[in-house]
Structures are given as structure tokens and as C-alpha cells.
Amino acid sequence: MTNHTEIKALVFDVFGTIVDWRSGVAREAAAFLHRYAPQLDAFEFADAWRREYSPAMEEIRSGRRAYVRLDVLHRENLVKVLNRNGIVGVPDAEIDALNLAWHRLDPWPDAVEALHRLKRKFIVAPLSNGNIRLMVDMAKRAGLPWDAILGAEVVRAYKPSPKVYSETVEILGLAPAELCLVAAHNGDLAAARRLGLSTAFVARPTEHGPNQETDLGAEQAWDFVVDDLGELANQLLPEA
């Protein structure tokens, strides 16, 4: 277990851990579908779009494709979902606009206050597969008080590739245990732990909707296991 006093920086998974991607994407998809495919459910559409996320990144992680930023993958994946559902003839500008739904996601209710609290003592930054512009736009809209934007585009690799974690440690000039990854996904935490990072699991049991079956609880003895980010702040800042 990590000594709390060792930790100097906290990096956060963003999609699912800090922001509610499913509700945000469905909200924007609903208006689009009303025009082009009113028979489709917006949440099912959001889920279908998200299902393309990991396979698209795996093409890059495997070396079969050179790195491209997530905005590019999201747009390609959106076109796949549109084609699969027989939605044709959509102007490119409207596809581009819907693709920016990922830039306009709402934070979970506990996120912003907890990040502000943690920022008083620790460096706080995203460690997301989202690209820099996406993270900046999201932070400005949602009020996320990042000290830096870190993650996939900075190191040109997608989690859970080891270099995402190891190069982030190097960028921040820390020892691995001094950097804590905070995530709602056990696989992300496992990859970080293998590189020596500290780990914090935060439960997001509705990230994938009311029938979520994955990441409902901690699957290892992570350094911290909490129900929300406020609880993590309480543990790391017991005097606050």
C-alpha cells in the first residue's frame, strides 16, 4: 500500500471517471436523431458509438496504424455507426458538430469540488485517451481545474499502453509511486500499477447506464477505494 505522504500528483481517467460521457453524448445525439433517425434511441446510439472506441484504439496500440488523435477516431467511429443504421446524406458539417459532443460532457456531481480541493496540495491533471483540444474544451465548459493536460496525445499512445503511464511519470519529474492514477476502470489501474504508480478506484456504477455489468467494484486491493471523489479528497486531505 502507498504511503499517502508519498503522493505528489494525481492524474485522472476522464471519460466515465470525471465526466458522464453516456448522458452527454445521448443528449446531443437526441437532437441529431430527431432529424435523421427518430426511431433510434439516443442512449443506444451513444452506446454503439462508444463500443467502437476500444477497437479503434487497438489498431494504434497494436502498431497496425500510426497514432491519430481521438477526435479523428471518434469521427470515423461515428460514420461507422451512421452507416450501420442506414443514416446517409448527412452534411459533413453536421457530422463534425455531433462529433464535438465529446467536448461538451458534464462532470459527475462530485468531480469539480473535489478537484478544487485536491488541487490545493497535489498536481491534478487528466490522463485520458482524449486529445489535448478535447480536454481543454471540456475543462473550460465544465470548470475542471487542471494544472496541465496530460495523456494520449502528449505521449502519442493510448492507454493501457505502458508508455502512457511511464512517460507521464517522467514528464512530471516524479517517482512512479508519487503519481496516483484515479480511475473508475480496473483495467486502467492495473496497467498503472504494473508501472509502479499508486492507484485509486472510484466507483461509477452507472457509467454505462442502469444495467452496467463491469467495473462495479474494485477488483484488486488498490491503494484507495472510494465511492466518489469527495471521499478520496477526505482521505488524502484529512485536515481539510
Protein backbone atom coordinates (compact mmCIF):
# COMPACT_ATOMS: atom_id res chain seq x y z
CA MET A 1 0.00 0.00 0.00
CA THR A 2 1.21 3.51 -0.79
CA ASN A 3 2.11 5.91 1.99
CA HIS A 4 -0.21 8.88 1.48
CA THR A 5 2.65 11.28 2.11
CA GLU A 6 4.49 9.96 -0.96
CA ILE A 7 1.85 11.15 -3.42
CA LYS A 8 2.61 14.44 -5.12
CA ALA A 9 0.33 14.35 -8.16
CA LEU A 10 -2.99 12.85 -9.13
CA VAL A 11 -3.89 12.04 -12.72
CA PHE A 12 -7.39 11.10 -13.68
CA ASP A 13 -9.11 8.97 -16.23
CA VAL A 14 -11.74 11.32 -17.63
CA PHE A 15 -14.42 9.53 -19.68
CA GLY A 16 -16.52 7.81 -17.04
CA THR A 17 -14.43 8.83 -14.04
CA ILE A 18 -14.69 12.63 -14.20
CA VAL A 19 -17.47 13.12 -16.75
CA ASP A 20 -20.68 11.29 -17.61
CA TRP A 21 -19.98 10.60 -21.28
CA ARG A 22 -23.09 8.50 -21.90
CA SER A 23 -25.64 11.11 -20.88
CA GLY A 24 -23.77 13.90 -22.63
CA VAL A 25 -23.41 12.08 -25.93
CA ALA A 26 -27.02 10.89 -25.81
CA ARG A 27 -28.23 14.44 -25.13
CA GLU A 28 -26.56 15.74 -28.27
CA ALA A 29 -27.38 12.67 -30.31
CA ALA A 30 -31.07 13.08 -29.49
CA ALA A 31 -31.37 16.32 -31.43
CA PHE A 32 -29.46 14.84 -34.36
CA LEU A 33 -31.54 11.66 -34.41
CA HIS A 34 -34.76 13.65 -34.25
CA ARG A 35 -33.86 14.98 -37.70
CA TYR A 36 -32.32 11.90 -39.28
CA ALA A 37 -33.47 8.75 -37.49
CA PRO A 38 -36.24 9.43 -34.98
CA GLN A 39 -36.82 5.71 -34.50
CA LEU A 40 -33.42 5.26 -32.81
CA ASP A 41 -32.85 5.58 -29.08
CA ALA A 42 -30.26 8.21 -28.22
CA PHE A 43 -28.70 6.20 -25.40
CA GLU A 44 -28.41 3.11 -27.57
CA PHE A 45 -26.79 5.29 -30.22
CA ALA A 46 -24.31 6.63 -27.66
CA ASP A 47 -23.51 3.09 -26.54
CA ALA A 48 -22.98 1.94 -30.12
CA TRP A 49 -20.62 4.84 -30.76
CA ARG A 50 -18.67 4.09 -27.58
CA ARG A 51 -18.35 0.40 -28.48
CA GLU A 52 -16.15 1.43 -31.41
CA TYR A 53 -13.76 3.25 -29.06
CA SER A 54 -11.53 0.40 -27.89
CA PRO A 55 -11.29 -1.42 -31.24
CA ALA A 56 -10.26 1.81 -32.96
CA MET A 57 -7.53 2.48 -30.41
CA GLU A 58 -6.34 -1.11 -30.58
CA GLU A 59 -5.41 -0.57 -34.22
CA ILE A 60 -2.94 2.05 -32.96
CA ARG A 61 -1.81 0.20 -29.83
CA SER A 62 -1.02 -2.87 -31.96
CA GLY A 63 1.10 -0.86 -34.39
CA ARG A 64 -1.19 -1.58 -37.32
CA ARG A 65 -1.91 2.14 -37.60
CA ALA A 66 0.08 5.27 -36.81
CA TYR A 67 -1.14 7.45 -33.96
CA VAL A 68 -4.03 9.80 -34.68
CA ARG A 69 -5.85 11.84 -32.06
CA LEU A 70 -9.10 10.69 -30.53
CA ASP A 71 -11.19 13.32 -32.32
CA VAL A 72 -10.23 11.59 -35.58
CA LEU A 73 -11.14 8.14 -34.26
CA HIS A 74 -14.42 9.41 -32.80
CA ARG A 75 -15.43 10.87 -36.15
CA GLU A 76 -14.54 7.70 -38.04
CA ASN A 77 -16.46 5.66 -35.49
CA LEU A 78 -19.46 7.98 -35.78
CA VAL A 79 -19.54 7.47 -39.54
CA LYS A 80 -19.46 3.70 -38.99
CA VAL A 81 -22.46 3.90 -36.66
CA LEU A 82 -24.36 6.16 -39.05
CA ASN A 83 -23.72 3.80 -41.96
CA ARG A 84 -24.66 0.76 -39.90
CA ASN A 85 -28.01 2.38 -39.15
CA GLY A 86 -28.63 3.45 -42.73
CA ILE A 87 -28.27 7.16 -41.93
CA VAL A 88 -26.93 8.67 -45.14
CA GLY A 89 -26.71 12.08 -46.72
CA VAL A 90 -25.74 13.92 -43.55
CA PRO A 91 -23.67 17.03 -44.35
CA ASP A 92 -20.07 16.81 -43.18
CA ALA A 93 -20.57 19.92 -41.06
CA GLU A 94 -23.32 18.20 -39.08
CA ILE A 95 -21.18 15.11 -38.54
CA ASP A 96 -18.37 17.38 -37.34
CA ALA A 97 -20.75 19.16 -34.96
CA LEU A 98 -22.06 15.92 -33.46
CA ASN A 99 -18.50 14.65 -33.08
CA LEU A 100 -17.85 17.59 -30.77
CA ALA A 101 -20.38 16.16 -28.31
CA TRP A 102 -17.35 14.59 -26.60
CA HIS A 103 -16.00 18.10 -25.94
CA ARG A 104 -19.20 19.11 -24.12
CA LEU A 105 -19.70 16.45 -21.47
CA ASP A 106 -20.97 17.19 -17.97
CA PRO A 107 -18.92 16.32 -14.89
CA TRP A 108 -20.25 13.93 -12.29
CA PRO A 109 -21.73 15.94 -9.39
CA ASP A 110 -18.79 15.29 -7.04
CA ALA A 111 -15.99 15.99 -9.51
CA VAL A 112 -15.41 19.74 -9.68
CA GLU A 113 -15.44 20.49 -5.95
CA ALA A 114 -13.20 17.53 -5.18
CA LEU A 115 -10.70 18.51 -7.88
CA HIS A 116 -10.50 22.03 -6.45
CA ARG A 117 -9.83 20.59 -3.01
CA LEU A 118 -7.18 18.18 -4.25
CA LYS A 119 -5.52 20.90 -6.35
CA ARG A 120 -4.60 22.79 -3.16
CA LYS A 121 -2.00 20.14 -2.31
CA PHE A 122 -1.45 18.00 -5.41
CA ILE A 123 -0.79 18.50 -9.09
CA VAL A 124 -4.02 17.46 -10.80
CA ALA A 125 -4.24 16.58 -14.48
CA PRO A 126 -6.15 14.32 -16.85
CA LEU A 127 -4.52 11.11 -18.02
CA SER A 128 -7.04 10.49 -20.73
CA ASN A 129 -7.17 8.98 -24.19
CA GLY A 130 -8.84 12.24 -25.19
CA ASN A 131 -6.71 14.66 -27.20
CA ILE A 132 -5.48 17.99 -25.89
CA ARG A 133 -8.09 20.24 -27.54
CA LEU A 134 -10.87 17.91 -26.42
CA MET A 135 -9.62 18.03 -22.82
CA VAL A 136 -9.23 21.82 -22.89
CA ASP A 137 -12.71 22.41 -24.29
CA MET A 138 -14.23 20.03 -21.76
CA ALA A 139 -12.35 21.64 -18.88
CA LYS A 140 -13.40 25.16 -19.82
CA ARG A 141 -17.05 24.20 -20.15
CA ALA A 142 -17.20 22.03 -17.03
CA GLY A 143 -14.90 24.07 -14.81
CA LEU A 144 -12.27 21.35 -14.35
CA PRO A 145 -9.26 23.00 -12.68
CA TRP A 146 -6.43 21.07 -14.29
CA ASP A 147 -2.83 22.13 -13.72
CA ALA A 148 -1.76 20.54 -17.02
CA ILE A 149 -3.21 18.47 -19.86
CA LEU A 150 -1.56 15.06 -19.99
CA GLY A 151 -2.49 11.80 -21.66
CA ALA A 152 -2.57 10.11 -25.03
CA GLU A 153 -1.76 12.96 -27.39
CA VAL A 154 1.16 14.12 -25.23
CA VAL A 155 2.90 10.72 -25.48
CA ARG A 156 1.24 9.67 -28.76
CA ALA A 157 -0.06 6.39 -27.39
CA TYR A 158 -3.34 5.12 -25.98
CA LYS A 159 -3.96 3.60 -22.57
CA PRO A 160 -3.32 0.99 -21.40
CA SER A 161 -0.03 1.07 -23.34
CA PRO A 162 2.73 1.17 -20.71
CA LYS A 163 4.39 4.31 -22.11
CA VAL A 164 1.30 6.39 -21.30
CA TYR A 165 1.97 5.88 -17.60
CA SER A 166 5.77 5.71 -17.60
CA GLU A 167 6.25 8.80 -19.76
CA THR A 168 3.74 10.76 -17.67
CA VAL A 169 5.80 9.96 -14.58
CA GLU A 170 8.90 11.23 -16.41
CA ILE A 171 7.13 14.39 -17.65
CA LEU A 172 6.17 15.30 -14.09
CA GLY A 173 9.63 14.51 -12.73
CA LEU A 174 8.31 12.09 -10.14
CA ALA A 175 8.99 8.61 -8.88
CA PRO A 176 6.20 6.25 -10.01
CA ALA A 177 4.68 5.85 -6.54
CA GLU A 178 4.45 9.65 -6.21
CA LEU A 179 1.92 9.67 -9.05
CA CYS A 180 -1.56 8.30 -8.35
CA LEU A 181 -3.92 7.32 -11.14
CA VAL A 182 -7.58 7.84 -10.24
CA ALA A 183 -9.96 5.82 -12.39
CA ALA A 184 -13.30 4.02 -12.44
CA HIS A 185 -11.81 1.24 -14.56
CA ASN A 186 -9.91 -1.66 -13.05
CA GLY A 187 -8.00 -2.36 -16.25
CA ASP A 188 -6.60 1.18 -16.37
CA LEU A 189 -5.49 0.92 -12.73
CA ALA A 190 -3.91 -2.50 -13.30
CA ALA A 191 -1.81 -1.13 -16.15
CA ALA A 192 -0.71 1.81 -14.00
CA ARG A 193 0.15 -0.43 -11.05
CA ARG A 194 2.38 -2.58 -13.25
CA LEU A 195 4.48 0.55 -13.87
CA GLY A 196 4.66 1.31 -10.14
CA LEU A 197 2.07 4.08 -9.92
CA SER A 198 -0.21 4.49 -6.93
CA THR A 199 -3.85 3.73 -7.65
CA ALA A 200 -7.30 4.93 -6.63
CA PHE A 201 -10.55 3.29 -7.71
CA VAL A 202 -13.67 5.47 -7.70
CA ALA A 203 -16.97 3.71 -8.27
CA ARG A 204 -19.08 4.89 -11.22
CA PRO A 205 -21.71 2.13 -11.33
CA THR A 206 -23.92 3.94 -13.89
CA GLU A 207 -21.22 5.00 -16.36
CA HIS A 208 -22.68 2.56 -18.92
CA GLY A 209 -26.28 3.06 -17.82
CA PRO A 210 -28.59 1.34 -15.35
CA ASN A 211 -27.64 -2.18 -16.44
CA GLN A 212 -23.87 -1.81 -16.14
CA GLU A 213 -22.06 -5.10 -15.57
CA THR A 214 -18.40 -4.05 -15.49
CA ASP A 215 -16.28 -2.10 -13.01
CA LEU A 216 -18.98 -2.22 -10.35
CA GLY A 217 -16.32 -2.57 -7.65
CA ALA A 218 -12.61 -2.79 -7.02
CA GLU A 219 -11.08 -5.96 -8.45
CA GLN A 220 -7.74 -5.56 -6.66
CA ALA A 221 -6.60 -4.03 -3.39
CA TRP A 222 -5.97 -0.60 -4.87
CA ASP A 223 -4.29 1.99 -2.66
CA PHE A 224 -7.60 3.83 -2.35
CA VAL A 225 -11.12 2.55 -3.00
CA VAL A 226 -13.84 5.20 -2.77
CA ASP A 227 -17.45 5.77 -3.74
CA ASP A 228 -16.82 9.30 -5.02
CA LEU A 229 -14.06 11.85 -5.42
CA GLY A 230 -15.10 13.74 -2.31
CA GLU A 231 -14.27 10.64 -0.29
CA LEU A 232 -10.87 10.46 -1.95
CA ALA A 233 -10.24 14.10 -1.04
CA ASN A 234 -11.23 13.37 2.54
CA GLN A 235 -8.69 10.54 2.73
CA LEU A 236 -5.86 12.48 1.11
CA LEU A 237 -6.63 15.75 2.89
CA PRO A 238 -7.84 14.60 6.31
CA GLU A 239 -7.27 18.04 7.78
CA ALA A 240 -9.41 19.81 5.16
